[in-house]
C-alpha atoms as a PDB file:
ATOM      1  CA  MET A   1      16.063-212.371-128.553  1.00  0.00           C
ATOM      2  CA  LEU A   2      17.296-211.482-125.416  1.00  0.00           C
ATOM      3  CA  ASP A   3      14.673-210.663-122.603  1.00  0.00           C
ATOM      4  CA  VAL A   4      14.748-207.342-121.138  1.00  0.00           C
ATOM      5  CA  ARG A   5      13.546-208.650-117.449  1.00  0.00           C
ATOM      6  CA  ARG A   6      16.658-210.922-117.552  1.00  0.00           C
ATOM      7  CA  LEU A   7      18.949-208.208-118.547  1.00  0.00           C
ATOM      8  CA  ARG A   8      17.961-206.313-115.520  1.00  0.00           C
ATOM      9  CA  LEU A   9      18.755-208.943-113.588  1.00  0.00           C
ATOM     10  CA  LEU A  10      22.014-209.362-115.291  1.00  0.00           C
ATOM     11  CA  ARG A  11      22.750-205.957-114.595  1.00  0.00           C
ATOM     12  CA  GLU A  12      21.677-206.019-110.684  1.00  0.00           C
ATOM     13  CA  LEU A  13      24.266-208.976-110.267  1.00  0.00           C
ATOM     14  CA  ALA A  14      26.802-207.130-111.529  1.00  0.00           C
ATOM     15  CA  GLN A  15      25.845-204.227-108.955  1.00  0.00           C
ATOM     16  CA  ARG A  16      25.085-206.635-106.086  1.00  0.00           C
ATOM     17  CA  GLY A  17      27.731-209.660-106.346  1.00  0.00           C
ATOM     18  CA  THR A  18      25.706-212.544-105.462  1.00  0.00           C
ATOM     19  CA  ILE A  19      22.171-214.346-106.393  1.00  0.00           C
ATOM     20  CA  ALA A  20      20.928-213.921-103.176  1.00  0.00           C
ATOM     21  CA  ALA A  21      21.072-210.222-102.694  1.00  0.00           C
ATOM     22  CA  VAL A  22      19.635-209.838-106.289  1.00  0.00           C
ATOM     23  CA  ALA A  23      17.126-212.236-105.263  1.00  0.00           C
ATOM     24  CA  GLU A  24      16.429-210.549-101.757  1.00  0.00           C
ATOM     25  CA  ALA A  25      16.039-206.587-103.490  1.00  0.00           C
ATOM     26  CA  LEU A  26      13.683-208.245-106.392  1.00  0.00           C
ATOM     27  CA  SER A  27      11.544-210.266-104.264  1.00  0.00           C
ATOM     28  CA  PHE A  28      12.350-213.568-105.855  1.00  0.00           C
ATOM     29  CA  SER A  29      13.548-216.696-104.491  1.00  0.00           C
ATOM     30  CA  PRO A  30      17.524-217.102-105.437  1.00  0.00           C
ATOM     31  CA  SER A  31      16.460-220.336-107.299  1.00  0.00           C
ATOM     32  CA  ALA A  32      14.435-218.379-109.760  1.00  0.00           C
ATOM     33  CA  VAL A  33      17.012-215.809-110.110  1.00  0.00           C
ATOM     34  CA  SER A  34      19.624-218.292-111.004  1.00  0.00           C
ATOM     35  CA  GLN A  35      17.434-220.139-113.433  1.00  0.00           C
ATOM     36  CA  GLN A  36      17.031-216.690-115.155  1.00  0.00           C
ATOM     37  CA  LEU A  37      20.222-216.005-115.486  1.00  0.00           C
ATOM     38  CA  SER A  38      20.838-219.572-116.861  1.00  0.00           C
ATOM     39  CA  VAL A  39      18.130-218.949-119.636  1.00  0.00           C
ATOM     40  CA  LEU A  40      19.698-215.550-120.460  1.00  0.00           C
ATOM     41  CA  GLU A  41      23.298-217.337-121.081  1.00  0.00           C
ATOM     42  CA  ARG A  42      21.336-219.871-123.943  1.00  0.00           C
ATOM     43  CA  GLU A  43      19.908-216.713-125.227  1.00  0.00           C
ATOM     44  CA  ALA A  44      23.500-215.304-125.580  1.00  0.00           C
ATOM     45  CA  GLY A  45      24.933-218.468-126.594  1.00  0.00           C
ATOM     46  CA  LEU A  46      27.939-217.909-124.260  1.00  0.00           C
ATOM     47  CA  PRO A  47      28.935-218.157-120.821  1.00  0.00           C
ATOM     48  CA  LEU A  48      28.113-214.904-118.751  1.00  0.00           C
ATOM     49  CA  LEU A  49      28.939-215.849-115.322  1.00  0.00           C
ATOM     50  CA  GLU A  50      32.062-217.430-113.162  1.00  0.00           C
ATOM     51  CA  ARG A  51      31.058-219.022-110.158  1.00  0.00           C
ATOM     52  CA  THR A  52      33.586-218.980-107.055  1.00  0.00           C
ATOM     53  CA  GLY A  53      32.370-219.923-103.911  1.00  0.00           C
ATOM     54  CA  ARG A  54      28.858-218.010-103.089  1.00  0.00           C
ATOM     55  CA  ARG A  55      30.083-215.087-105.275  1.00  0.00           C
ATOM     56  CA  VAL A  56      29.800-215.079-108.960  1.00  0.00           C
ATOM     57  CA  ARG A  57      31.642-213.044-111.282  1.00  0.00           C
ATOM     58  CA  LEU A  58      30.790-211.554-114.608  1.00  0.00           C
ATOM     59  CA  THR A  59      33.007-212.802-117.515  1.00  0.00           C
ATOM     60  CA  PRO A  60      34.032-210.388-120.160  1.00  0.00           C
ATOM     61  CA  ALA A  61      30.841-211.209-122.019  1.00  0.00           C
ATOM     62  CA  GLY A  62      28.727-210.776-119.231  1.00  0.00           C
ATOM     63  CA  GLN A  63      30.394-207.430-118.352  1.00  0.00           C
ATOM     64  CA  ASN A  64      29.907-206.267-122.208  1.00  0.00           C
ATOM     65  CA  LEU A  65      26.234-207.250-122.246  1.00  0.00           C
ATOM     66  CA  VAL A  66      25.766-205.163-119.097  1.00  0.00           C
ATOM     67  CA  ARG A  67      27.016-202.429-120.950  1.00  0.00           C
ATOM     68  CA  HIS A  68      24.427-202.701-123.492  1.00  0.00           C
ATOM     69  CA  ALA A  69      21.926-203.784-120.859  1.00  0.00           C
ATOM     70  CA  ASP A  70      22.395-199.809-119.227  1.00  0.00           C
ATOM     71  CA  ALA A  71      21.496-198.598-122.745  1.00  0.00           C
ATOM     72  CA  VAL A  72      18.722-200.495-123.576  1.00  0.00           C
ATOM     73  CA  LEU A  73      16.744-199.795-120.000  1.00  0.00           C
ATOM     74  CA  GLU A  74      17.497-196.095-120.826  1.00  0.00           C
ATOM     75  CA  LEU A  75      16.073-196.206-124.055  1.00  0.00           C
ATOM     76  CA  LEU A  76      12.964-198.007-122.226  1.00  0.00           C
ATOM     77  CA  GLU A  77      12.528-195.283-119.757  1.00  0.00           C
ATOM     78  CA  ARG A  78      12.857-192.621-122.277  1.00  0.00           C
ATOM     79  CA  ALA A  79      10.286-194.263-124.354  1.00  0.00           C
ATOM     80  CA  ASP A  80       8.198-194.279-121.328  1.00  0.00           C
ATOM     81  CA  ALA A  81       8.321-190.878-120.541  1.00  0.00           C
ATOM     82  CA  GLU A  82       7.088-189.954-123.734  1.00  0.00           C
ATOM     83  CA  LEU A  83       4.221-192.037-123.549  1.00  0.00           C
ATOM     84  CA  ALA A  84       3.373-190.547-120.055  1.00  0.00           C
ATOM     85  CA  GLU A  85       3.817-187.172-121.555  1.00  0.00           C
ATOM     86  CA  ALA A  86       1.375-188.057-124.805  1.00  0.00           C
ATOM     87  CA  ARG A  87      -1.170-189.150-122.415  1.00  0.00           C
ATOM     88  CA  GLY A  88      -1.259-185.993-120.737  1.00  0.00           C
ATOM     89  CA  GLY A  89      -2.568-185.413-116.993  1.00  0.00           C
ATOM     90  CA  LEU A  90      -0.350-186.938-114.261  1.00  0.00           C
ATOM     91  CA  ALA A  91      -2.031-189.360-112.205  1.00  0.00           C
ATOM     92  CA  GLY A  92      -1.172-192.351-110.040  1.00  0.00           C
ATOM     93  CA  ALA A  93       1.696-192.954-107.464  1.00  0.00           C
ATOM     94  CA  LEU A  94       5.092-191.214-107.557  1.00  0.00           C
ATOM     95  CA  ARG A  95       7.729-192.887-105.192  1.00  0.00           C
ATOM     96  CA  ILE A  96       9.942-190.535-103.807  1.00  0.00           C
ATOM     97  CA  GLY A  97      12.647-191.110-101.307  1.00  0.00           C
ATOM     98  CA  SER A  98      14.712-188.602 -99.093  1.00  0.00           C
ATOM     99  CA  PHE A  99      17.152-188.553 -96.277  1.00  0.00           C
ATOM    100  CA  PRO A 100      15.934-187.023 -93.282  1.00  0.00           C
ATOM    101  CA  THR A 101      16.596-183.186 -93.290  1.00  0.00           C
ATOM    102  CA  ALA A 102      15.408-182.655 -96.371  1.00  0.00           C
ATOM    103  CA  ALA A 103      12.606-184.842 -95.666  1.00  0.00           C
ATOM    104  CA  ARG A 104      11.572-182.441 -92.652  1.00  0.00           C
ATOM    105  CA  ALA A 105      12.957-179.226 -94.638  1.00  0.00           C
ATOM    106  CA  ILE A 106      12.026-179.358 -98.012  1.00  0.00           C
ATOM    107  CA  VAL A 107       9.594-182.093 -99.214  1.00  0.00           C
ATOM    108  CA  PRO A 108       6.600-181.040 -97.365  1.00  0.00           C
ATOM    109  CA  ALA A 109       6.275-177.794 -98.937  1.00  0.00           C
ATOM    110  CA  ALA A 110       7.119-179.671-102.539  1.00  0.00           C
ATOM    111  CA  LEU A 111       4.589-182.127-101.912  1.00  0.00           C
ATOM    112  CA  ALA A 112       1.885-179.246-101.374  1.00  0.00           C
ATOM    113  CA  GLU A 113       3.018-177.410-104.471  1.00  0.00           C
ATOM    114  CA  LEU A 114       2.947-180.818-106.469  1.00  0.00           C
ATOM    115  CA  GLY A 115      -0.779-181.199-105.152  1.00  0.00           C
ATOM    116  CA  ARG A 116      -1.795-177.896-106.195  1.00  0.00           C
ATOM    117  CA  ARG A 117      -0.476-178.415-109.709  1.00  0.00           C
ATOM    118  CA  HIS A 118      -1.179-182.098-110.251  1.00  0.00           C
ATOM    119  CA  PRO A 119      -4.335-183.455-107.819  1.00  0.00           C
ATOM    120  CA  ALA A 120      -4.118-186.859-109.075  1.00  0.00           C
ATOM    121  CA  LEU A 121      -0.911-187.513-108.593  1.00  0.00           C
ATOM    122  CA  GLU A 122      -0.109-189.763-105.312  1.00  0.00           C
ATOM    123  CA  PRO A 123       3.241-188.930-104.224  1.00  0.00           C
ATOM    124  CA  MET A 124       4.635-191.655-101.657  1.00  0.00           C
ATOM    125  CA  VAL A 125       7.503-190.585 -99.701  1.00  0.00           C
ATOM    126  CA  SER A 126      10.005-193.391 -98.002  1.00  0.00           C
ATOM    127  CA  GLU A 127      12.896-192.139 -95.910  1.00  0.00           C
ATOM    128  CA  THR A 128      16.262-193.642 -97.697  1.00  0.00           C
ATOM    129  CA  ASP A 129      19.735-193.438 -96.771  1.00  0.00           C
ATOM    130  CA  PRO A 130      21.498-191.568-100.085  1.00  0.00           C
ATOM    131  CA  ALA A 131      23.813-195.342 -99.813  1.00  0.00           C
ATOM    132  CA  ALA A 132      20.898-196.919-100.570  1.00  0.00           C
ATOM    133  CA  VAL A 133      19.329-194.790-103.391  1.00  0.00           C
ATOM    134  CA  GLY A 134      21.031-196.262-106.245  1.00  0.00           C
ATOM    135  CA  HIS A 135      19.671-200.225-105.638  1.00  0.00           C
ATOM    136  CA  ALA A 136      16.175-198.682-104.960  1.00  0.00           C
ATOM    137  CA  LEU A 137      16.014-196.863-108.188  1.00  0.00           C
ATOM    138  CA  ARG A 138      17.233-199.656-110.430  1.00  0.00           C
ATOM    139  CA  ALA A 139      15.011-202.116-108.499  1.00  0.00           C
ATOM    140  CA  GLY A 140      12.056-199.871-109.480  1.00  0.00           C
ATOM    141  CA  ASP A 141      11.212-199.117-105.283  1.00  0.00           C
ATOM    142  CA  LEU A 142      11.831-195.594-106.341  1.00  0.00           C
ATOM    143  CA  ASP A 143      11.040-193.372-109.188  1.00  0.00           C
ATOM    144  CA  VAL A 144      12.792-190.052-108.202  1.00  0.00           C
ATOM    145  CA  ALA A 145      15.029-189.499-104.727  1.00  0.00           C
ATOM    146  CA  LEU A 146      17.001-186.605-102.936  1.00  0.00           C
ATOM    147  CA  ILE A 147      20.734-187.782-102.363  1.00  0.00           C
ATOM    148  CA  HIS A 148      23.435-185.605-100.870  1.00  0.00           C
ATOM    149  CA  ALA A 149      27.476-185.602-101.195  1.00  0.00           C
ATOM    150  CA  TYR A 150      29.944-183.882 -99.156  1.00  0.00           C
ATOM    151  CA  ASP A 151      33.291-182.111-100.257  1.00  0.00           C
ATOM    152  CA  PHE A 152      34.995-185.176 -98.404  1.00  0.00           C
ATOM    153  CA  VAL A 153      32.669-187.971 -99.500  1.00  0.00           C
ATOM    154  CA  PRO A 154      31.485-187.301-103.329  1.00  0.00           C
ATOM    155  CA  ALA A 155      28.552-189.331-104.323  1.00  0.00           C
ATOM    156  CA  PRO A 156      29.909-192.206-106.484  1.00  0.00           C
ATOM    157  CA  ASP A 157      29.304-192.688-110.083  1.00  0.00           C
ATOM    158  CA  GLU A 158      25.894-195.301-110.097  1.00  0.00           C
ATOM    159  CA  PRO A 159      25.394-197.053-113.485  1.00  0.00           C
ATOM    160  CA  GLY A 160      21.711-196.551-114.427  1.00  0.00           C
ATOM    161  CA  LEU A 161      21.129-193.536-112.753  1.00  0.00           C
ATOM    162  CA  ALA A 162      21.326-189.930-113.962  1.00  0.00           C
ATOM    163  CA  THR A 163      21.083-186.623-111.100  1.00  0.00           C
ATOM    164  CA  GLU A 164      20.312-183.196-111.415  1.00  0.00           C
ATOM    165  CA  PRO A 165      21.902-180.275-109.078  1.00  0.00           C
ATOM    166  CA  LEU A 166      19.207-179.009-106.731  1.00  0.00           C
ATOM    167  CA  TYR A 167      21.098-176.868-103.752  1.00  0.00           C
ATOM    168  CA  ARG A 168      24.243-176.611-101.652  1.00  0.00           C
ATOM    169  CA  GLU A 169      24.251-176.121 -97.895  1.00  0.00           C
ATOM    170  CA  ALA A 170      26.747-174.684 -95.372  1.00  0.00           C
ATOM    171  CA  MET A 171      28.413-177.239 -92.786  1.00  0.00           C
ATOM    172  CA  TYR A 172      28.840-176.247 -89.001  1.00  0.00           C
ATOM    173  CA  LEU A 173      31.247-177.367 -86.206  1.00  0.00           C
ATOM    174  CA  ALA A 174      29.371-177.734 -83.183  1.00  0.00           C
ATOM    175  CA  THR A 175      30.850-177.755 -79.862  1.00  0.00           C
ATOM    176  CA  PRO A 176      29.561-177.239 -76.024  1.00  0.00           C
ATOM    177  CA  ALA A 177      29.947-173.880 -74.907  1.00  0.00           C
ATOM    178  CA  ALA A 178      31.550-175.058 -72.176  1.00  0.00           C
ATOM    179  CA  TRP A 179      34.151-175.733 -74.019  1.00  0.00           C
ATOM    180  CA  ALA A 180      35.005-172.181 -75.082  1.00  0.00           C
ATOM    181  CA  PRO A 181      38.126-170.382 -73.041  1.00  0.00           C
ATOM    182  CA  GLU A 182      35.495-167.811 -71.715  1.00  0.00           C
ATOM    183  CA  ALA A 183      33.230-170.198 -70.302  1.00  0.00           C
ATOM    184  CA  ALA A 184      34.883-170.471 -67.036  1.00  0.00           C
ATOM    185  CA  ALA A 185      34.307-166.766 -66.121  1.00  0.00           C
ATOM    186  CA  SER A 186      31.058-166.858 -67.925  1.00  0.00           C
ATOM    187  CA  PRO A 187      27.419-168.860 -67.581  1.00  0.00           C
ATOM    188  CA  PRO A 188      26.800-171.222 -70.702  1.00  0.00           C
ATOM    189  CA  HIS A 189      24.396-168.897 -71.794  1.00  0.00           C
ATOM    190  CA  ALA A 190      26.503-165.902 -72.230  1.00  0.00           C
ATOM    191  CA  ALA A 191      29.112-167.718 -74.663  1.00  0.00           C
ATOM    192  CA  THR A 192      29.177-166.219 -77.712  1.00  0.00           C
ATOM    193  CA  ALA A 193      30.471-166.914 -81.353  1.00  0.00           C
ATOM    194  CA  PRO A 194      31.620-164.466 -84.007  1.00  0.00           C
ATOM    195  CA  PRO A 195      28.878-162.772 -86.005  1.00  0.00           C
ATOM    196  CA  ALA A 196      26.683-164.977 -88.164  1.00  0.00           C
ATOM    197  CA  GLU A 197      26.878-164.952 -92.168  1.00  0.00           C
ATOM    198  CA  PRO A 198      23.688-163.861 -93.887  1.00  0.00           C
ATOM    199  CA  GLY A 199      21.673-166.548 -94.223  1.00  0.00           C
ATOM    200  CA  ALA A 200      23.155-168.732 -91.648  1.00  0.00           C
ATOM    201  CA  PRO A 201      21.765-169.964 -88.335  1.00  0.00           C
ATOM    202  CA  GLY A 202      21.293-167.180 -85.797  1.00  0.00           C
ATOM    203  CA  GLY A 203      24.361-167.464 -83.515  1.00  0.00           C
ATOM    204  CA  ALA A 204      26.541-169.358 -86.268  1.00  0.00           C
ATOM    205  CA  ALA A 205      30.292-168.070 -86.882  1.00  0.00           C
ATOM    206  CA  ALA A 206      31.663-166.564 -89.808  1.00  0.00           C
ATOM    207  CA  PRO A 207      33.011-168.957 -92.243  1.00  0.00           C
ATOM    208  CA  ALA A 208      36.081-170.917 -90.912  1.00  0.00           C
ATOM    209  CA  GLY A 209      38.994-169.076 -93.179  1.00  0.00           C
ATOM    210  CA  ALA A 210      37.974-166.038 -91.914  1.00  0.00           C
ATOM    211  CA  GLY A 211      40.406-164.144 -89.486  1.00  0.00           C
ATOM    212  CA  GLY A 212      42.645-166.645 -90.323  1.00  0.00           C
ATOM    213  CA  VAL A 213      41.613-169.337 -88.643  1.00  0.00           C
ATOM    214  CA  GLY A 214      41.298-172.302 -91.321  1.00  0.00           C
ATOM    215  CA  GLN A 215      39.346-175.343 -91.262  1.00  0.00           C
ATOM    216  CA  ARG A 216      42.144-178.103 -90.425  1.00  0.00           C
ATOM    217  CA  ALA A 217      43.047-175.612 -87.534  1.00  0.00           C
ATOM    218  CA  LEU A 218      39.664-175.727 -86.338  1.00  0.00           C
ATOM    219  CA  LEU A 219      39.069-179.156 -86.284  1.00  0.00           C
ATOM    220  CA  ARG A 220      42.376-179.832 -84.610  1.00  0.00           C
ATOM    221  CA  THR A 221      41.936-177.988 -81.444  1.00  0.00           C
ATOM    222  CA  HIS A 222      39.180-180.666 -80.817  1.00  0.00           C
ATOM    223  CA  ALA A 223      41.463-183.320 -81.610  1.00  0.00           C
ATOM    224  CA  ASP A 224      41.367-184.656 -78.262  1.00  0.00           C
ATOM    225  CA  ALA A 225      38.010-184.073 -77.571  1.00  0.00           C
ATOM    226  CA  PRO A 226      35.038-186.903 -77.836  1.00  0.00           C
ATOM    227  CA  TRP A 227      33.035-186.739 -81.151  1.00  0.00           C
ATOM    228  CA  ILE A 228      29.462-187.398 -82.398  1.00  0.00           C
ATOM    229  CA  THR A 229      29.103-188.921 -85.567  1.00  0.00           C
ATOM    230  CA  ALA A 230      26.233-190.411 -87.292  1.00  0.00           C
ATOM    231  CA  THR A 231      26.101-194.454 -87.956  1.00  0.00           C
ATOM    232  CA  PRO A 232      28.653-196.174 -89.692  1.00  0.00           C
ATOM    233  CA  GLY A 233      27.730-196.791 -93.161  1.00  0.00           C
ATOM    234  CA  THR A 234      26.623-193.643 -93.762  1.00  0.00           C
ATOM    235  CA  LEU A 235      27.718-191.018 -95.784  1.00  0.00           C
ATOM    236  CA  CYS A 236      27.298-188.460 -92.857  1.00  0.00           C
ATOM    237  CA  HIS A 237      29.454-190.568 -90.770  1.00  0.00           C
ATOM    238  CA  ALA A 238      32.173-190.816 -93.456  1.00  0.00           C
ATOM    239  CA  MET A 239      31.850-186.978 -93.891  1.00  0.00           C
ATOM    240  CA  THR A 240      32.833-186.072 -89.822  1.00  0.00           C
ATOM    241  CA  VAL A 241      35.893-189.014 -89.893  1.00  0.00           C
ATOM    242  CA  ARG A 242      37.402-187.749 -93.159  1.00  0.00           C
ATOM    243  CA  ALA A 243      36.979-184.204 -92.373  1.00  0.00           C
ATOM    244  CA  CYS A 244      38.570-184.936 -88.955  1.00  0.00           C
ATOM    245  CA  GLU A 245      41.494-187.000 -90.642  1.00  0.00           C
ATOM    246  CA  ASP A 246      41.984-184.085 -93.090  1.00  0.00           C
ATOM    247  CA  ALA A 247      43.333-181.827 -90.175  1.00  0.00           C
ATOM    248  CA  GLY A 248      45.498-184.693 -88.813  1.00  0.00           C
ATOM    249  CA  PHE A 249      43.722-187.203 -86.239  1.00  0.00           C
ATOM    250  CA  VAL A 250      41.253-189.648 -85.967  1.00  0.00           C
ATOM    251  CA  PRO A 251      38.086-188.723 -84.067  1.00  0.00           C
ATOM    252  CA  ARG A 252      37.315-190.641 -80.798  1.00  0.00           C
ATOM    253  CA  ILE A 253      33.894-191.259 -81.097  1.00  0.00           C
ATOM    254  CA  ARG A 254      31.673-191.340 -78.277  1.00  0.00           C
ATOM    255  CA  HIS A 255      28.365-191.102 -79.690  1.00  0.00           C
ATOM    256  CA  GLN A 256      26.752-192.229 -83.023  1.00  0.00           C
ATOM    257  CA  VAL A 257      23.230-191.275 -83.578  1.00  0.00           C
ATOM    258  CA  ASP A 258      21.562-190.046 -87.244  1.00  0.00           C
ATOM    259  CA  GLU A 259      19.284-187.522 -86.476  1.00  0.00           C
ATOM    260  CA  PHE A 260      21.050-184.127 -85.993  1.00  0.00           C
ATOM    261  CA  ALA A 261      18.449-182.938 -83.578  1.00  0.00           C
ATOM    262  CA  THR A 262      19.985-185.508 -80.864  1.00  0.00           C
ATOM    263  CA  VAL A 263      23.151-184.788 -82.319  1.00  0.00           C
ATOM    264  CA  LEU A 264      23.003-181.006 -81.098  1.00  0.00           C
ATOM    265  CA  ALA A 265      21.356-181.855 -77.871  1.00  0.00           C
ATOM    266  CA  LEU A 266      24.090-184.410 -76.845  1.00  0.00           C
ATOM    267  CA  VAL A 267      26.629-181.420 -78.137  1.00  0.00           C
ATOM    268  CA  ALA A 268      24.489-179.033 -75.555  1.00  0.00           C
ATOM    269  CA  ALA A 269      25.036-181.660 -72.813  1.00  0.00           C
ATOM    270  CA  GLY A 270      28.837-181.480 -73.237  1.00  0.00           C
ATOM    271  CA  GLN A 271      28.815-184.825 -74.667  1.00  0.00           C
ATOM    272  CA  GLY A 272      31.468-184.176 -77.576  1.00  0.00           C
ATOM    273  CA  ALA A 273      31.699-181.910 -80.981  1.00  0.00           C
ATOM    274  CA  ALA A 274      30.293-182.480 -84.123  1.00  0.00           C
ATOM    275  CA  VAL A 275      29.878-181.451 -87.631  1.00  0.00           C
ATOM    276  CA  VAL A 276      26.343-180.606 -88.865  1.00  0.00           C
ATOM    277  CA  PRO A 277      24.726-179.183 -92.041  1.00  0.00           C
ATOM    278  CA  GLN A 278      22.512-175.900 -91.753  1.00  0.00           C
ATOM    279  CA  LEU A 279      19.323-177.877 -92.360  1.00  0.00           C
ATOM    280  CA  GLY A 280      20.259-180.044 -89.609  1.00  0.00           C
ATOM    281  CA  ILE A 281      19.888-176.827 -87.155  1.00  0.00           C
ATOM    282  CA  THR A 282      16.164-176.023 -86.437  1.00  0.00           C
ATOM    283  CA  GLY A 283      14.749-173.735 -84.431  1.00  0.00           C
ATOM    284  CA  GLN A 284      16.126-170.973 -82.180  1.00  0.00           C
ATOM    285  CA  PRO A 285      19.880-171.526 -81.352  1.00  0.00           C
ATOM    286  CA  ASP A 286      20.594-173.227 -78.038  1.00  0.00           C
ATOM    287  CA  PRO A 287      23.041-170.929 -75.912  1.00  0.00           C
ATOM    288  CA  ALA A 288      24.775-174.341 -74.644  1.00  0.00           C
ATOM    289  CA  VAL A 289      25.736-174.909 -78.577  1.00  0.00           C
ATOM    290  CA  VAL A 290      28.642-172.681 -80.162  1.00  0.00           C
ATOM    291  CA  LEU A 291      28.326-173.245 -84.379  1.00  0.00           C
ATOM    292  CA  THR A 292      31.296-172.241 -86.250  1.00  0.00           C
ATOM    293  CA  ARG A 293      30.674-172.269 -90.011  1.00  0.00           C
ATOM    294  CA  LEU A 294      33.440-174.615 -92.126  1.00  0.00           C
ATOM    295  CA  VAL A 295      34.505-174.267 -95.582  1.00  0.00           C
ATOM    296  CA  MET A 296      33.264-177.382 -96.459  1.00  0.00           C
ATOM    297  CA  GLU A 297      29.775-177.608 -97.329  1.00  0.00           C
ATOM    298  CA  ARG A 298      26.952-180.565 -98.448  1.00  0.00           C
ATOM    299  CA  ARG A 299      25.435-180.790-102.178  1.00  0.00           C
ATOM    300  CA  THR A 300      22.093-182.412-102.661  1.00  0.00           C
ATOM    301  CA  ASN A 301      20.911-183.684-106.035  1.00  0.00           C
ATOM    302  CA  VAL A 302      18.004-185.013-107.281  1.00  0.00           C
ATOM    303  CA  ALA A 303      18.334-188.632-108.606  1.00  0.00           C
ATOM    304  CA  PHE A 304      16.297-190.829-111.258  1.00  0.00           C
ATOM    305  CA  ARG A 305      17.064-193.900-113.627  1.00  0.00           C
ATOM    306  CA  SER A 306      18.714-192.396-116.429  1.00  0.00           C
ATOM    307  CA  GLY A 307      16.054-191.800-119.503  1.00  0.00           C
ATOM    308  CA  SER A 308      13.206-190.778-117.134  1.00  0.00           C
ATOM    309  CA  ALA A 309      14.472-186.807-116.347  1.00  0.00           C
ATOM    310  CA  ALA A 310      11.786-186.170-118.680  1.00  0.00           C
ATOM    311  CA  HIS A 311       8.916-188.175-117.257  1.00  0.00           C
ATOM    312  CA  PRO A 312       6.268-185.644-116.780  1.00  0.00           C
ATOM    313  CA  ALA A 313       6.026-186.773-112.834  1.00  0.00           C
ATOM    314  CA  VAL A 314       9.851-186.861-112.319  1.00  0.00           C
ATOM    315  CA  ALA A 315       9.843-183.620-113.869  1.00  0.00           C
ATOM    316  CA  ALA A 316       6.716-181.935-111.861  1.00  0.00           C
ATOM    317  CA  PHE A 317       8.613-183.123-108.911  1.00  0.00           C
ATOM    318  CA  SER A 318      11.894-181.595-109.355  1.00  0.00           C
ATOM    319  CA  THR A 319       9.996-178.216-110.494  1.00  0.00           C
ATOM    320  CA  ALA A 320       8.115-178.417-106.885  1.00  0.00           C
ATOM    321  CA  LEU A 321      11.469-179.138-105.013  1.00  0.00           C
ATOM    322  CA  ARG A 322      12.990-176.026-106.571  1.00  0.00           C
ATOM    323  CA  ALA A 323       9.916-173.602-105.968  1.00  0.00           C
ATOM    324  CA  ALA A 324       9.861-174.989-102.363  1.00  0.00           C
ATOM    325  CA  LEU A 325      13.669-174.487-101.232  1.00  0.00           C
ATOM    326  CA  PRO A 326      14.081-171.745 -98.659  1.00  0.00           C
ATOM    327  CA  PRO A 327      15.594-168.802-100.048  1.00  0.00           C
ATOM    328  CA  ASP A 328      18.794-168.961 -97.964  1.00  0.00           C
ATOM    329  CA  LEU A 329      20.131-172.055 -99.763  1.00  0.00           C
ATOM    330  CA  PRO A 330      21.805-171.200-102.924  1.00  0.00           C
ATOM    331  CA  GLY A 331      21.206-173.618-105.927  1.00  0.00           C
ATOM    332  CA  GLN A 332      24.248-175.670-107.304  1.00  0.00           C
END
């Protein structure tokens, strides 16, 4: 009989590529992971791994077993969800991952709603970049998480995970007001933008594409300007770079900052242009920043392990999230 814990190790190895990475993610020693995988090979009666230097590669038998492991682990998640529902009454820890803007704008109200409905449930929030959510969910470090994807950076398919759509938000080009043509004759606070869209942040412009100004043309007008992006390796960084590339140029990146409030402060100081999501724009509009709505959007989903959608705690958090959404955030 194949051991489920060893099947989980094999699946993690298929995702991470090295025994050392699996050991670090699951808090094992590399030798312990290697020993458990060797036992799994003996249980299977076939070679599951091929070692090539420091890396290991799954044999065809190993790849086939990973597919079965995904199915087995999903069934176990469903069984756990049914048992939790049969026990009745939600209690205990619920480990939640969220990216920063959602953690600020959506999650607090959702936690308050969750606490009113299920006071014995103990939500525990960890700020988690969407790129790291898949590993964290599969490793059991998270139970549910918020992830996002952009038009130019779709969310990759993650084995062993399932998602539900939550909301969409507009994206804006942020530029210094001093760059506007009229700035030479007007003080920065007098710089204006076209009328705001309903639900858009104050001072935001009409959607790109209105008035014959397309997104590519709009971005291309700043092809020679410095740009501010998120740090490399994040979806937000890739989004800005790919949007600029789609407009026909490679952005000249001056600053790399993950917090959108800081990004907008740098824009206000004339340090560069940036692309920011609706939830990244907080408070009253800064007159030193011009916001122009783009065609592209950011989409946020709720992610969890396959089979756990019906788990009462996961379902309760998803319900609380939807109840906490601001009215100007359309659902997907």
